[in-house]
């Protein structure tokens, strides 16, 4: 099978709110997917090396990515480079990937134990720093899920556990169950967050952070490439939206809402120009300026993109309240929280 290796950059203080012993730094997220492109191990190694030497220290993957090949590549690169385990923060995700009999039909105890064991074997590691329960499981009682995660932590296979694509209500339920039965609650939620997707991260998750300390690790700050500006004049043949498996993305781009988004991005590009940065750098810095966001996961497929994305860190100090206000004015989609209504 041909595999295409995408590298997802995670900038800022990853796990800083949840794990105070980890120094503020840059982080990276590795994702290997099966597709028509061919990117060999050497490309992944090049990107990870650039990231690591730039201060990146977190690598996130999942058992489902390329049926486990992502974890294999990640582990092989770490071993080849000889990076100290203590200098890295490794996270992975369970539940929606792996074999059907392994993670979706057995009890949560069995599935999480075997799923995480498999991930550790593929990565050649003794433990991960955070294991995420990816997508909620409506067929399993919350108590069983929390007990399963507590078990793998007590067994030394993970330091913490988090959630991915869970609602605020589901996260709060997990926290309540953990407190009721003296179990370990989740510390982080992976959520989609970008210029056109704001409600959950800006309104719902801050409530959880202030009440129970759950942090936010956000993904897709460029909205699957929409915010890069490359779709302004149509769908490039080499783009993700041109692939058959991404027909949904193409439909989204050419829709009426998609055309309106492109018009707003054109206006935002003028702000980026004034700040001396690119539109993607502005978009990433905009995500990072949110005090409730611990880290941002961003996809890159080559060294040039990775270097550009790293440049978002230099843009962050320029994200003044005036600049953010100008961006909000153009977008016209700022959600309002209870705090806004009270003020």
C-alpha atoms as a PDB file:
ATOM      1  CA  UNK A   1       0.000   0.000   0.000  1.00  0.00           C
ATOM      2  CA  UNK A   2       1.173   3.494  -0.802  1.00  0.00           C
ATOM      3  CA  UNK A   3       1.204   5.809   2.174  1.00  0.00           C
ATOM      4  CA  UNK A   4       1.330   9.564   2.353  1.00  0.00           C
ATOM      5  CA  UNK A   5       2.923  11.000   5.449  1.00  0.00           C
ATOM      6  CA  UNK A   6       1.501  14.270   6.719  1.00  0.00           C
ATOM      7  CA  UNK A   7       3.133  16.101   9.586  1.00  0.00           C
ATOM      8  CA  UNK A   8       0.907  18.102  11.891  1.00  0.00           C
ATOM      9  CA  UNK A   9       2.549  20.965  13.696  1.00  0.00           C
ATOM     10  CA  UNK A  10       1.446  21.723  17.223  1.00  0.00           C
ATOM     11  CA  UNK A  11       2.602  25.135  18.354  1.00  0.00           C
ATOM     12  CA  UNK A  12       2.668  26.709  21.818  1.00  0.00           C
ATOM     13  CA  UNK A  13       2.414  25.165  25.265  1.00  0.00           C
ATOM     14  CA  UNK A  14       1.208  21.648  24.642  1.00  0.00           C
ATOM     15  CA  UNK A  15      -0.165  20.065  27.819  1.00  0.00           C
ATOM     16  CA  UNK A  16       1.089  23.050  29.809  1.00  0.00           C
ATOM     17  CA  UNK A  17      -2.201  23.587  31.630  1.00  0.00           C
ATOM     18  CA  UNK A  18      -2.735  19.894  32.257  1.00  0.00           C
ATOM     19  CA  UNK A  19       0.839  18.771  32.946  1.00  0.00           C
ATOM     20  CA  UNK A  20       2.774  21.589  34.669  1.00  0.00           C
ATOM     21  CA  UNK A  21       6.004  19.580  34.695  1.00  0.00           C
ATOM     22  CA  UNK A  22       6.254  19.918  30.908  1.00  0.00           C
ATOM     23  CA  UNK A  23       8.068  23.078  29.846  1.00  0.00           C
ATOM     24  CA  UNK A  24       6.325  25.457  27.420  1.00  0.00           C
ATOM     25  CA  UNK A  25       7.451  24.536  23.929  1.00  0.00           C
ATOM     26  CA  UNK A  26       6.423  23.758  20.401  1.00  0.00           C
ATOM     27  CA  UNK A  27       4.963  20.386  19.526  1.00  0.00           C
ATOM     28  CA  UNK A  28       4.207  18.266  16.500  1.00  0.00           C
ATOM     29  CA  UNK A  29       1.496  15.841  15.414  1.00  0.00           C
ATOM     30  CA  UNK A  30       2.282  12.976  13.032  1.00  0.00           C
ATOM     31  CA  UNK A  31      -0.439  11.549  10.799  1.00  0.00           C
ATOM     32  CA  UNK A  32       0.038   8.893   8.150  1.00  0.00           C
ATOM     33  CA  UNK A  33      -2.884   8.248   5.819  1.00  0.00           C
ATOM     34  CA  UNK A  34      -3.390   5.834   2.943  1.00  0.00           C
ATOM     35  CA  UNK A  35      -3.841   7.749  -0.310  1.00  0.00           C
ATOM     36  CA  UNK A  36      -2.598   8.019  -3.874  1.00  0.00           C
ATOM     37  CA  UNK A  37       0.545   9.974  -3.012  1.00  0.00           C
ATOM     38  CA  UNK A  38       3.826   8.353  -2.051  1.00  0.00           C
ATOM     39  CA  UNK A  39       5.853   9.939   0.727  1.00  0.00           C
ATOM     40  CA  UNK A  40       8.520   7.634   2.082  1.00  0.00           C
ATOM     41  CA  UNK A  41      10.003   7.259   5.528  1.00  0.00           C
ATOM     42  CA  UNK A  42      12.768   9.731   4.661  1.00  0.00           C
ATOM     43  CA  UNK A  43      10.251  12.557   4.204  1.00  0.00           C
ATOM     44  CA  UNK A  44       8.704  11.926   7.602  1.00  0.00           C
ATOM     45  CA  UNK A  45      12.165  11.796   9.146  1.00  0.00           C
ATOM     46  CA  UNK A  46      13.110  15.101   7.517  1.00  0.00           C
ATOM     47  CA  UNK A  47      10.002  16.845   8.806  1.00  0.00           C
ATOM     48  CA  UNK A  48      10.307  15.427  12.306  1.00  0.00           C
ATOM     49  CA  UNK A  49      13.973  16.390  12.452  1.00  0.00           C
ATOM     50  CA  UNK A  50      13.254  19.975  11.410  1.00  0.00           C
ATOM     51  CA  UNK A  51      10.476  20.156  13.966  1.00  0.00           C
ATOM     52  CA  UNK A  52      12.502  18.635  16.801  1.00  0.00           C
ATOM     53  CA  UNK A  53      15.516  20.850  16.149  1.00  0.00           C
ATOM     54  CA  UNK A  54      13.173  23.857  16.163  1.00  0.00           C
ATOM     55  CA  UNK A  55      12.004  23.019  19.683  1.00  0.00           C
ATOM     56  CA  UNK A  56       9.070  20.772  18.856  1.00  0.00           C
ATOM     57  CA  UNK A  57       8.627  18.116  21.519  1.00  0.00           C
ATOM     58  CA  UNK A  58       5.162  16.560  21.182  1.00  0.00           C
ATOM     59  CA  UNK A  59       4.232  13.887  18.646  1.00  0.00           C
ATOM     60  CA  UNK A  60       0.636  12.737  18.418  1.00  0.00           C
ATOM     61  CA  UNK A  61      -0.675   9.796  16.415  1.00  0.00           C
ATOM     62  CA  UNK A  62      -3.496   7.207  16.501  1.00  0.00           C
ATOM     63  CA  UNK A  63      -3.935   3.484  16.055  1.00  0.00           C
ATOM     64  CA  UNK A  64      -6.206   4.084  13.053  1.00  0.00           C
ATOM     65  CA  UNK A  65      -3.782   6.165  10.977  1.00  0.00           C
ATOM     66  CA  UNK A  66      -2.795   3.951   8.044  1.00  0.00           C
ATOM     67  CA  UNK A  67      -3.833   0.926  10.121  1.00  0.00           C
ATOM     68  CA  UNK A  68      -1.005   1.478  12.606  1.00  0.00           C
ATOM     69  CA  UNK A  69       1.716   2.414  10.108  1.00  0.00           C
ATOM     70  CA  UNK A  70       1.864   5.965  11.495  1.00  0.00           C
ATOM     71  CA  UNK A  71       2.849   4.626  14.900  1.00  0.00           C
ATOM     72  CA  UNK A  72       5.464   2.356  13.345  1.00  0.00           C
ATOM     73  CA  UNK A  73       7.033   5.257  11.432  1.00  0.00           C
ATOM     74  CA  UNK A  74       6.952   7.479  14.494  1.00  0.00           C
ATOM     75  CA  UNK A  75       8.637   4.858  16.657  1.00  0.00           C
ATOM     76  CA  UNK A  76      11.279   4.006  14.065  1.00  0.00           C
ATOM     77  CA  UNK A  77      12.252   7.647  13.620  1.00  0.00           C
ATOM     78  CA  UNK A  78      12.521   8.253  17.358  1.00  0.00           C
ATOM     79  CA  UNK A  79      14.697   5.162  17.708  1.00  0.00           C
ATOM     80  CA  UNK A  80      16.890   6.035  14.726  1.00  0.00           C
ATOM     81  CA  UNK A  81      17.446   9.615  15.884  1.00  0.00           C
ATOM     82  CA  UNK A  82      18.239   8.501  19.416  1.00  0.00           C
ATOM     83  CA  UNK A  83      16.071  11.171  20.985  1.00  0.00           C
ATOM     84  CA  UNK A  84      15.715  10.875  24.755  1.00  0.00           C
ATOM     85  CA  UNK A  85      12.243   9.715  25.754  1.00  0.00           C
ATOM     86  CA  UNK A  86      12.186  12.313  28.520  1.00  0.00           C
ATOM     87  CA  UNK A  87      12.569  15.065  25.911  1.00  0.00           C
ATOM     88  CA  UNK A  88       9.390  13.989  24.110  1.00  0.00           C
ATOM     89  CA  UNK A  89       5.672  14.058  24.811  1.00  0.00           C
ATOM     90  CA  UNK A  90       3.993  11.196  22.942  1.00  0.00           C
ATOM     91  CA  UNK A  91       0.221  10.910  22.605  1.00  0.00           C
ATOM     92  CA  UNK A  92      -2.060   8.544  20.721  1.00  0.00           C
ATOM     93  CA  UNK A  93      -5.782   7.965  20.228  1.00  0.00           C
ATOM     94  CA  UNK A  94      -7.931   4.858  20.653  1.00  0.00           C
ATOM     95  CA  UNK A  95     -11.433   3.523  19.921  1.00  0.00           C
ATOM     96  CA  UNK A  96     -12.418   4.358  16.340  1.00  0.00           C
ATOM     97  CA  UNK A  97      -9.414   2.670  14.732  1.00  0.00           C
ATOM     98  CA  UNK A  98      -7.810  -0.743  14.826  1.00  0.00           C
ATOM     99  CA  UNK A  99      -9.508  -4.062  14.168  1.00  0.00           C
ATOM    100  CA  UNK A 100     -13.270  -4.191  14.604  1.00  0.00           C
ATOM    101  CA  UNK A 101     -12.977  -7.009  17.115  1.00  0.00           C
ATOM    102  CA  UNK A 102     -10.307  -5.140  19.002  1.00  0.00           C
ATOM    103  CA  UNK A 103     -11.571  -1.677  19.815  1.00  0.00           C
ATOM    104  CA  UNK A 104     -15.250  -1.552  18.954  1.00  0.00           C
ATOM    105  CA  UNK A 105     -16.871  -4.761  20.150  1.00  0.00           C
ATOM    106  CA  UNK A 106     -15.021  -5.925  23.269  1.00  0.00           C
ATOM    107  CA  UNK A 107     -15.449  -4.336  26.691  1.00  0.00           C
ATOM    108  CA  UNK A 108     -13.650  -1.045  27.256  1.00  0.00           C
ATOM    109  CA  UNK A 109     -11.223  -2.744  29.633  1.00  0.00           C
ATOM    110  CA  UNK A 110     -10.233  -5.275  26.982  1.00  0.00           C
ATOM    111  CA  UNK A 111     -10.243  -2.925  24.015  1.00  0.00           C
ATOM    112  CA  UNK A 112      -8.255  -0.126  25.635  1.00  0.00           C
ATOM    113  CA  UNK A 113      -5.748  -2.521  27.143  1.00  0.00           C
ATOM    114  CA  UNK A 114      -5.127  -4.404  23.898  1.00  0.00           C
ATOM    115  CA  UNK A 115      -5.373  -1.237  21.796  1.00  0.00           C
ATOM    116  CA  UNK A 116      -2.820   0.681  23.817  1.00  0.00           C
ATOM    117  CA  UNK A 117      -0.540  -2.340  24.109  1.00  0.00           C
ATOM    118  CA  UNK A 118      -0.569  -2.598  20.322  1.00  0.00           C
ATOM    119  CA  UNK A 119       0.226   1.097  19.954  1.00  0.00           C
ATOM    120  CA  UNK A 120       3.133   0.871  22.384  1.00  0.00           C
ATOM    121  CA  UNK A 121       4.538  -2.154  20.565  1.00  0.00           C
ATOM    122  CA  UNK A 122       4.346  -0.391  17.203  1.00  0.00           C
ATOM    123  CA  UNK A 123       6.038   2.718  18.598  1.00  0.00           C
ATOM    124  CA  UNK A 124       8.561   0.640  20.589  1.00  0.00           C
ATOM    125  CA  UNK A 125       7.716   2.599  23.730  1.00  0.00           C
ATOM    126  CA  UNK A 126       6.960   1.660  27.323  1.00  0.00           C
ATOM    127  CA  UNK A 127       4.332   4.374  27.805  1.00  0.00           C
ATOM    128  CA  UNK A 128       2.636   7.386  26.210  1.00  0.00           C
ATOM    129  CA  UNK A 129       2.130  10.689  27.964  1.00  0.00           C
ATOM    130  CA  UNK A 130      -1.535  11.034  27.014  1.00  0.00           C
ATOM    131  CA  UNK A 131      -3.967   8.540  25.505  1.00  0.00           C
ATOM    132  CA  UNK A 132      -7.107  10.012  23.944  1.00  0.00           C
ATOM    133  CA  UNK A 133     -10.514   8.359  23.715  1.00  0.00           C
ATOM    134  CA  UNK A 134     -11.316   9.374  20.157  1.00  0.00           C
ATOM    135  CA  UNK A 135     -15.054   9.929  19.634  1.00  0.00           C
ATOM    136  CA  UNK A 136     -17.576   9.074  22.372  1.00  0.00           C
ATOM    137  CA  UNK A 137     -18.888   5.516  22.640  1.00  0.00           C
ATOM    138  CA  UNK A 138     -22.665   5.673  23.056  1.00  0.00           C
ATOM    139  CA  UNK A 139     -22.878   1.891  23.494  1.00  0.00           C
ATOM    140  CA  UNK A 140     -20.683   1.812  26.599  1.00  0.00           C
ATOM    141  CA  UNK A 141     -21.526   3.214  30.056  1.00  0.00           C
ATOM    142  CA  UNK A 142     -19.365   6.199  30.966  1.00  0.00           C
ATOM    143  CA  UNK A 143     -18.222   4.503  34.154  1.00  0.00           C
ATOM    144  CA  UNK A 144     -16.710   1.654  32.134  1.00  0.00           C
ATOM    145  CA  UNK A 145     -14.848   4.074  29.864  1.00  0.00           C
ATOM    146  CA  UNK A 146     -13.407   6.025  32.794  1.00  0.00           C
ATOM    147  CA  UNK A 147     -12.464   2.829  34.634  1.00  0.00           C
ATOM    148  CA  UNK A 148     -10.702   1.545  31.503  1.00  0.00           C
ATOM    149  CA  UNK A 149      -8.686   4.731  31.145  1.00  0.00           C
ATOM    150  CA  UNK A 150      -7.868   4.716  34.846  1.00  0.00           C
ATOM    151  CA  UNK A 151      -6.687   1.123  34.522  1.00  0.00           C
ATOM    152  CA  UNK A 152      -4.225   1.794  31.673  1.00  0.00           C
ATOM    153  CA  UNK A 153      -2.825   4.747  33.623  1.00  0.00           C
ATOM    154  CA  UNK A 154      -2.433   2.678  36.794  1.00  0.00           C
ATOM    155  CA  UNK A 155      -0.682   0.012  34.717  1.00  0.00           C
ATOM    156  CA  UNK A 156       1.928   2.584  33.688  1.00  0.00           C
ATOM    157  CA  UNK A 157       1.004   2.570  30.005  1.00  0.00           C
ATOM    158  CA  UNK A 158      -0.045   6.234  29.998  1.00  0.00           C
ATOM    159  CA  UNK A 159       0.467   9.236  32.252  1.00  0.00           C
ATOM    160  CA  UNK A 160      -2.871  10.913  31.504  1.00  0.00           C
ATOM    161  CA  UNK A 161      -5.966  10.466  29.370  1.00  0.00           C
ATOM    162  CA  UNK A 162      -8.016  12.880  27.324  1.00  0.00           C
ATOM    163  CA  UNK A 163     -10.958  13.034  24.957  1.00  0.00           C
ATOM    164  CA  UNK A 164     -11.314  13.822  21.266  1.00  0.00           C
ATOM    165  CA  UNK A 165     -14.509  15.035  19.569  1.00  0.00           C
ATOM    166  CA  UNK A 166     -16.478  14.768  22.815  1.00  0.00           C
ATOM    167  CA  UNK A 167     -19.175  17.261  23.764  1.00  0.00           C
ATOM    168  CA  UNK A 168     -18.795  19.418  26.857  1.00  0.00           C
ATOM    169  CA  UNK A 169     -21.620  17.465  28.490  1.00  0.00           C
ATOM    170  CA  UNK A 170     -19.874  14.131  27.869  1.00  0.00           C
ATOM    171  CA  UNK A 171     -16.604  15.453  29.281  1.00  0.00           C
ATOM    172  CA  UNK A 172     -18.375  16.726  32.380  1.00  0.00           C
ATOM    173  CA  UNK A 173     -20.074  13.355  32.797  1.00  0.00           C
ATOM    174  CA  UNK A 174     -16.688  11.611  32.664  1.00  0.00           C
ATOM    175  CA  UNK A 175     -15.340  14.025  35.271  1.00  0.00           C
ATOM    176  CA  UNK A 176     -18.338  13.455  37.550  1.00  0.00           C
ATOM    177  CA  UNK A 177     -18.000   9.672  37.259  1.00  0.00           C
ATOM    178  CA  UNK A 178     -14.292   9.906  38.064  1.00  0.00           C
ATOM    179  CA  UNK A 179     -14.955  11.954  41.181  1.00  0.00           C
ATOM    180  CA  UNK A 180     -17.809   9.692  42.297  1.00  0.00           C
ATOM    181  CA  UNK A 181     -15.789   6.472  42.086  1.00  0.00           C
ATOM    182  CA  UNK A 182     -12.337   7.891  42.893  1.00  0.00           C
ATOM    183  CA  UNK A 183     -11.089   7.373  39.333  1.00  0.00           C
ATOM    184  CA  UNK A 184      -8.894   9.507  37.067  1.00  0.00           C
ATOM    185  CA  UNK A 185     -10.676  12.239  35.050  1.00  0.00           C
ATOM    186  CA  UNK A 186      -9.695  13.425  31.549  1.00  0.00           C
ATOM    187  CA  UNK A 187      -7.277  16.365  31.312  1.00  0.00           C
ATOM    188  CA  UNK A 188      -7.644  17.498  27.707  1.00  0.00           C
ATOM    189  CA  UNK A 189     -10.052  17.646  24.762  1.00  0.00           C
ATOM    190  CA  UNK A 190      -8.954  17.635  21.123  1.00  0.00           C
ATOM    191  CA  UNK A 191     -11.385  19.891  19.264  1.00  0.00           C
ATOM    192  CA  UNK A 192     -11.688  21.466  15.828  1.00  0.00           C
ATOM    193  CA  UNK A 193     -10.934  25.182  15.919  1.00  0.00           C
ATOM    194  CA  UNK A 194     -10.342  27.726  13.187  1.00  0.00           C
ATOM    195  CA  UNK A 195     -11.595  31.060  11.883  1.00  0.00           C
ATOM    196  CA  UNK A 196     -14.886  29.516  10.756  1.00  0.00           C
ATOM    197  CA  UNK A 197     -15.389  27.047  13.656  1.00  0.00           C
ATOM    198  CA  UNK A 198     -15.439  28.794  17.032  1.00  0.00           C
ATOM    199  CA  UNK A 199     -18.406  27.914  19.279  1.00  0.00           C
ATOM    200  CA  UNK A 200     -17.050  24.866  21.126  1.00  0.00           C
ATOM    201  CA  UNK A 201     -13.563  26.171  21.879  1.00  0.00           C
ATOM    202  CA  UNK A 202     -14.529  29.753  22.671  1.00  0.00           C
ATOM    203  CA  UNK A 203     -17.736  29.154  24.649  1.00  0.00           C
ATOM    204  CA  UNK A 204     -18.106  25.549  25.839  1.00  0.00           C
ATOM    205  CA  UNK A 205     -14.559  24.446  26.687  1.00  0.00           C
ATOM    206  CA  UNK A 206     -13.589  27.575  28.692  1.00  0.00           C
ATOM    207  CA  UNK A 207     -16.378  26.702  31.122  1.00  0.00           C
ATOM    208  CA  UNK A 208     -14.830  23.258  31.604  1.00  0.00           C
ATOM    209  CA  UNK A 209     -11.319  24.641  31.968  1.00  0.00           C
ATOM    210  CA  UNK A 210     -12.294  27.078  34.705  1.00  0.00           C
ATOM    211  CA  UNK A 211     -14.499  24.549  36.518  1.00  0.00           C
ATOM    212  CA  UNK A 212     -12.565  21.267  36.241  1.00  0.00           C
ATOM    213  CA  UNK A 213      -9.243  22.144  34.582  1.00  0.00           C
ATOM    214  CA  UNK A 214      -9.756  20.439  31.207  1.00  0.00           C
ATOM    215  CA  UNK A 215      -7.474  21.991  28.593  1.00  0.00           C
ATOM    216  CA  UNK A 216      -7.953  22.287  24.826  1.00  0.00           C
ATOM    217  CA  UNK A 217      -5.696  20.886  22.109  1.00  0.00           C
ATOM    218  CA  UNK A 218      -7.161  22.141  18.841  1.00  0.00           C
ATOM    219  CA  UNK A 219      -6.841  20.815  15.307  1.00  0.00           C
ATOM    220  CA  UNK A 220      -7.499  21.936  11.723  1.00  0.00           C
ATOM    221  CA  UNK A 221      -6.631  25.646  12.180  1.00  0.00           C
ATOM    222  CA  UNK A 222      -6.491  25.961   8.389  1.00  0.00           C
ATOM    223  CA  UNK A 223      -9.828  24.160   7.904  1.00  0.00           C
ATOM    224  CA  UNK A 224      -8.415  21.336   5.765  1.00  0.00           C
ATOM    225  CA  UNK A 225      -6.493  23.864   3.678  1.00  0.00           C
ATOM    226  CA  UNK A 226      -9.423  26.200   3.016  1.00  0.00           C
ATOM    227  CA  UNK A 227      -7.783  29.038   4.950  1.00  0.00           C
ATOM    228  CA  UNK A 228      -4.503  28.815   3.020  1.00  0.00           C
ATOM    229  CA  UNK A 229      -6.080  30.763   0.169  1.00  0.00           C
ATOM    230  CA  UNK A 230      -5.223  28.140  -2.441  1.00  0.00           C
ATOM    231  CA  UNK A 231      -8.908  27.615  -3.265  1.00  0.00           C
ATOM    232  CA  UNK A 232      -9.583  31.276  -4.041  1.00  0.00           C
ATOM    233  CA  UNK A 233      -9.655  30.655  -7.805  1.00  0.00           C
ATOM    234  CA  UNK A 234     -11.005  27.111  -7.863  1.00  0.00           C
ATOM    235  CA  UNK A 235      -9.785  23.610  -6.988  1.00  0.00           C
ATOM    236  CA  UNK A 236      -6.104  22.970  -7.887  1.00  0.00           C
ATOM    237  CA  UNK A 237      -5.504  19.487  -9.321  1.00  0.00           C
ATOM    238  CA  UNK A 238      -2.843  18.712  -6.737  1.00  0.00           C
ATOM    239  CA  UNK A 239      -4.976  19.791  -3.776  1.00  0.00           C
ATOM    240  CA  UNK A 240      -6.705  17.598  -1.231  1.00  0.00           C
ATOM    241  CA  UNK A 241     -10.126  18.776  -2.428  1.00  0.00           C
ATOM    242  CA  UNK A 242      -9.385  17.326  -5.880  1.00  0.00           C
ATOM    243  CA  UNK A 243      -9.159  13.788  -4.467  1.00  0.00           C
ATOM    244  CA  UNK A 244     -12.205  11.513  -4.752  1.00  0.00           C
ATOM    245  CA  UNK A 245     -12.150  10.716  -1.056  1.00  0.00           C
ATOM    246  CA  UNK A 246     -12.449  14.441  -0.298  1.00  0.00           C
ATOM    247  CA  UNK A 247     -15.532  15.167  -2.382  1.00  0.00           C
ATOM    248  CA  UNK A 248     -17.166  16.531   0.781  1.00  0.00           C
ATOM    249  CA  UNK A 249     -14.413  19.144   1.009  1.00  0.00           C
ATOM    250  CA  UNK A 250     -14.843  20.138  -2.630  1.00  0.00           C
ATOM    251  CA  UNK A 251     -18.596  20.494  -2.150  1.00  0.00           C
ATOM    252  CA  UNK A 252     -17.981  22.675   0.879  1.00  0.00           C
ATOM    253  CA  UNK A 253     -15.568  24.947  -0.985  1.00  0.00           C
ATOM    254  CA  UNK A 254     -17.793  25.508  -4.035  1.00  0.00           C
ATOM    255  CA  UNK A 255     -20.948  26.038  -1.950  1.00  0.00           C
ATOM    256  CA  UNK A 256     -22.390  29.487  -1.314  1.00  0.00           C
ATOM    257  CA  UNK A 257     -20.963  29.497   2.218  1.00  0.00           C
ATOM    258  CA  UNK A 258     -17.618  28.413   0.796  1.00  0.00           C
ATOM    259  CA  UNK A 259     -17.544  31.326  -1.630  1.00  0.00           C
ATOM    260  CA  UNK A 260     -18.394  33.721   1.198  1.00  0.00           C
ATOM    261  CA  UNK A 261     -15.526  32.297   3.227  1.00  0.00           C
ATOM    262  CA  UNK A 262     -13.093  32.849   0.360  1.00  0.00           C
ATOM    263  CA  UNK A 263     -14.222  36.476   0.132  1.00  0.00           C
ATOM    264  CA  UNK A 264     -13.549  36.946   3.847  1.00  0.00           C
ATOM    265  CA  UNK A 265     -10.144  35.301   3.508  1.00  0.00           C
ATOM    266  CA  UNK A 266      -9.256  37.805   0.802  1.00  0.00           C
ATOM    267  CA  UNK A 267      -9.972  40.606   3.278  1.00  0.00           C
ATOM    268  CA  UNK A 268      -7.976  38.839   5.989  1.00  0.00           C
ATOM    269  CA  UNK A 269      -4.997  38.566   3.640  1.00  0.00           C
ATOM    270  CA  UNK A 270      -4.703  42.360   3.804  1.00  0.00           C
ATOM    271  CA  UNK A 271      -4.323  42.135   7.590  1.00  0.00           C
ATOM    272  CA  UNK A 272      -1.676  39.442   7.154  1.00  0.00           C
ATOM    273  CA  UNK A 273       0.168  41.664   4.701  1.00  0.00           C
ATOM    274  CA  UNK A 274       0.176  44.558   7.178  1.00  0.00           C
ATOM    275  CA  UNK A 275       1.585  42.256   9.864  1.00  0.00           C
ATOM    276  CA  UNK A 276       4.261  40.966   7.501  1.00  0.00           C
ATOM    277  CA  UNK A 277       3.089  37.359   7.522  1.00  0.00           C
ATOM    278  CA  UNK A 278       1.218  34.871   5.368  1.00  0.00           C
ATOM    279  CA  UNK A 279      -2.482  34.067   5.703  1.00  0.00           C
ATOM    280  CA  UNK A 280      -1.768  30.593   7.191  1.00  0.00           C
ATOM    281  CA  UNK A 281       0.580  32.146   9.758  1.00  0.00           C
ATOM    282  CA  UNK A 282      -2.102  34.665  10.698  1.00  0.00           C
ATOM    283  CA  UNK A 283      -4.682  31.888  11.070  1.00  0.00           C
ATOM    284  CA  UNK A 284      -2.436  29.799  13.317  1.00  0.00           C
ATOM    285  CA  UNK A 285      -1.431  32.802  15.424  1.00  0.00           C
ATOM    286  CA  UNK A 286      -5.117  33.699  15.758  1.00  0.00           C
ATOM    287  CA  UNK A 287      -5.792  30.256  17.238  1.00  0.00           C
ATOM    288  CA  UNK A 288      -2.822  30.531  19.574  1.00  0.00           C
ATOM    289  CA  UNK A 289      -3.886  33.905  20.931  1.00  0.00           C
ATOM    290  CA  UNK A 290      -6.829  32.187  22.668  1.00  0.00           C
ATOM    291  CA  UNK A 291      -5.802  31.776  26.308  1.00  0.00           C
ATOM    292  CA  UNK A 292      -7.919  28.639  26.594  1.00  0.00           C
ATOM    293  CA  UNK A 293      -5.979  26.844  23.858  1.00  0.00           C
ATOM    294  CA  UNK A 294      -3.017  24.818  25.103  1.00  0.00           C
ATOM    295  CA  UNK A 295      -1.796  23.803  21.654  1.00  0.00           C
ATOM    296  CA  UNK A 296      -2.675  23.882  17.970  1.00  0.00           C
ATOM    297  CA  UNK A 297      -2.308  20.959  15.560  1.00  0.00           C
ATOM    298  CA  UNK A 298      -1.561  21.948  11.989  1.00  0.00           C
ATOM    299  CA  UNK A 299      -0.949  19.783   8.920  1.00  0.00           C
ATOM    300  CA  UNK A 300       2.095  20.197   6.697  1.00  0.00           C
ATOM    301  CA  UNK A 301       3.335  17.925   3.921  1.00  0.00           C
ATOM    302  CA  UNK A 302       6.774  19.364   3.162  1.00  0.00           C
ATOM    303  CA  UNK A 303       9.653  21.235   4.753  1.00  0.00           C
ATOM    304  CA  UNK A 304       8.612  24.571   3.274  1.00  0.00           C
ATOM    305  CA  UNK A 305       5.152  24.387   4.820  1.00  0.00           C
ATOM    306  CA  UNK A 306       6.596  23.314   8.146  1.00  0.00           C
ATOM    307  CA  UNK A 307       9.020  26.242   8.184  1.00  0.00           C
ATOM    308  CA  UNK A 308       6.221  28.628   7.266  1.00  0.00           C
ATOM    309  CA  UNK A 309       3.971  27.271   9.999  1.00  0.00           C
ATOM    310  CA  UNK A 310       6.706  27.608  12.588  1.00  0.00           C
ATOM    311  CA  UNK A 311       6.814  31.277  11.655  1.00  0.00           C
ATOM    312  CA  UNK A 312       3.381  31.713  13.234  1.00  0.00           C
ATOM    313  CA  UNK A 313       5.136  31.920  16.591  1.00  0.00           C
ATOM    314  CA  UNK A 314       6.715  35.207  15.513  1.00  0.00           C
ATOM    315  CA  UNK A 315       3.288  36.572  14.581  1.00  0.00           C
ATOM    316  CA  UNK A 316       1.721  35.808  17.959  1.00  0.00           C
ATOM    317  CA  UNK A 317       3.069  38.968  19.721  1.00  0.00           C
ATOM    318  CA  UNK A 318       1.466  41.037  16.951  1.00  0.00           C
ATOM    319  CA  UNK A 319      -2.014  39.692  17.714  1.00  0.00           C
ATOM    320  CA  UNK A 320      -3.141  42.765  19.641  1.00  0.00           C
ATOM    321  CA  UNK A 321      -6.714  43.362  20.726  1.00  0.00           C
ATOM    322  CA  UNK A 322      -7.049  45.798  17.829  1.00  0.00           C
ATOM    323  CA  UNK A 323      -5.931  43.181  15.286  1.00  0.00           C
ATOM    324  CA  UNK A 324      -8.227  40.539  16.785  1.00  0.00           C
ATOM    325  CA  UNK A 325     -11.114  43.018  16.696  1.00  0.00           C
ATOM    326  CA  UNK A 326     -10.468  43.715  13.009  1.00  0.00           C
ATOM    327  CA  UNK A 327     -10.482  39.976  12.299  1.00  0.00           C
ATOM    328  CA  UNK A 328     -13.747  39.518  14.207  1.00  0.00           C
ATOM    329  CA  UNK A 329     -15.292  42.372  12.247  1.00  0.00           C
ATOM    330  CA  UNK A 330     -14.430  40.693   8.943  1.00  0.00           C
ATOM    331  CA  UNK A 331     -15.566  37.230  10.047  1.00  0.00           C
ATOM    332  CA  UNK A 332     -18.773  38.357  11.734  1.00  0.00           C
ATOM    333  CA  UNK A 333     -19.086  35.036  13.571  1.00  0.00           C
ATOM    334  CA  UNK A 334     -17.813  35.695  17.081  1.00  0.00           C
ATOM    335  CA  UNK A 335     -19.816  33.534  19.515  1.00  0.00           C
ATOM    336  CA  UNK A 336     -21.007  35.092  22.752  1.00  0.00           C
ATOM    337  CA  UNK A 337     -20.502  33.473  26.134  1.00  0.00           C
ATOM    338  CA  UNK A 338     -22.320  34.024  29.432  1.00  0.00           C
ATOM    339  CA  UNK A 339     -19.509  36.399  30.399  1.00  0.00           C
ATOM    340  CA  UNK A 340     -20.233  38.577  27.364  1.00  0.00           C
ATOM    341  CA  UNK A 341     -23.918  38.792  28.227  1.00  0.00           C
ATOM    342  CA  UNK A 342     -23.169  39.676  31.858  1.00  0.00           C
ATOM    343  CA  UNK A 343     -20.862  42.496  30.811  1.00  0.00           C
END
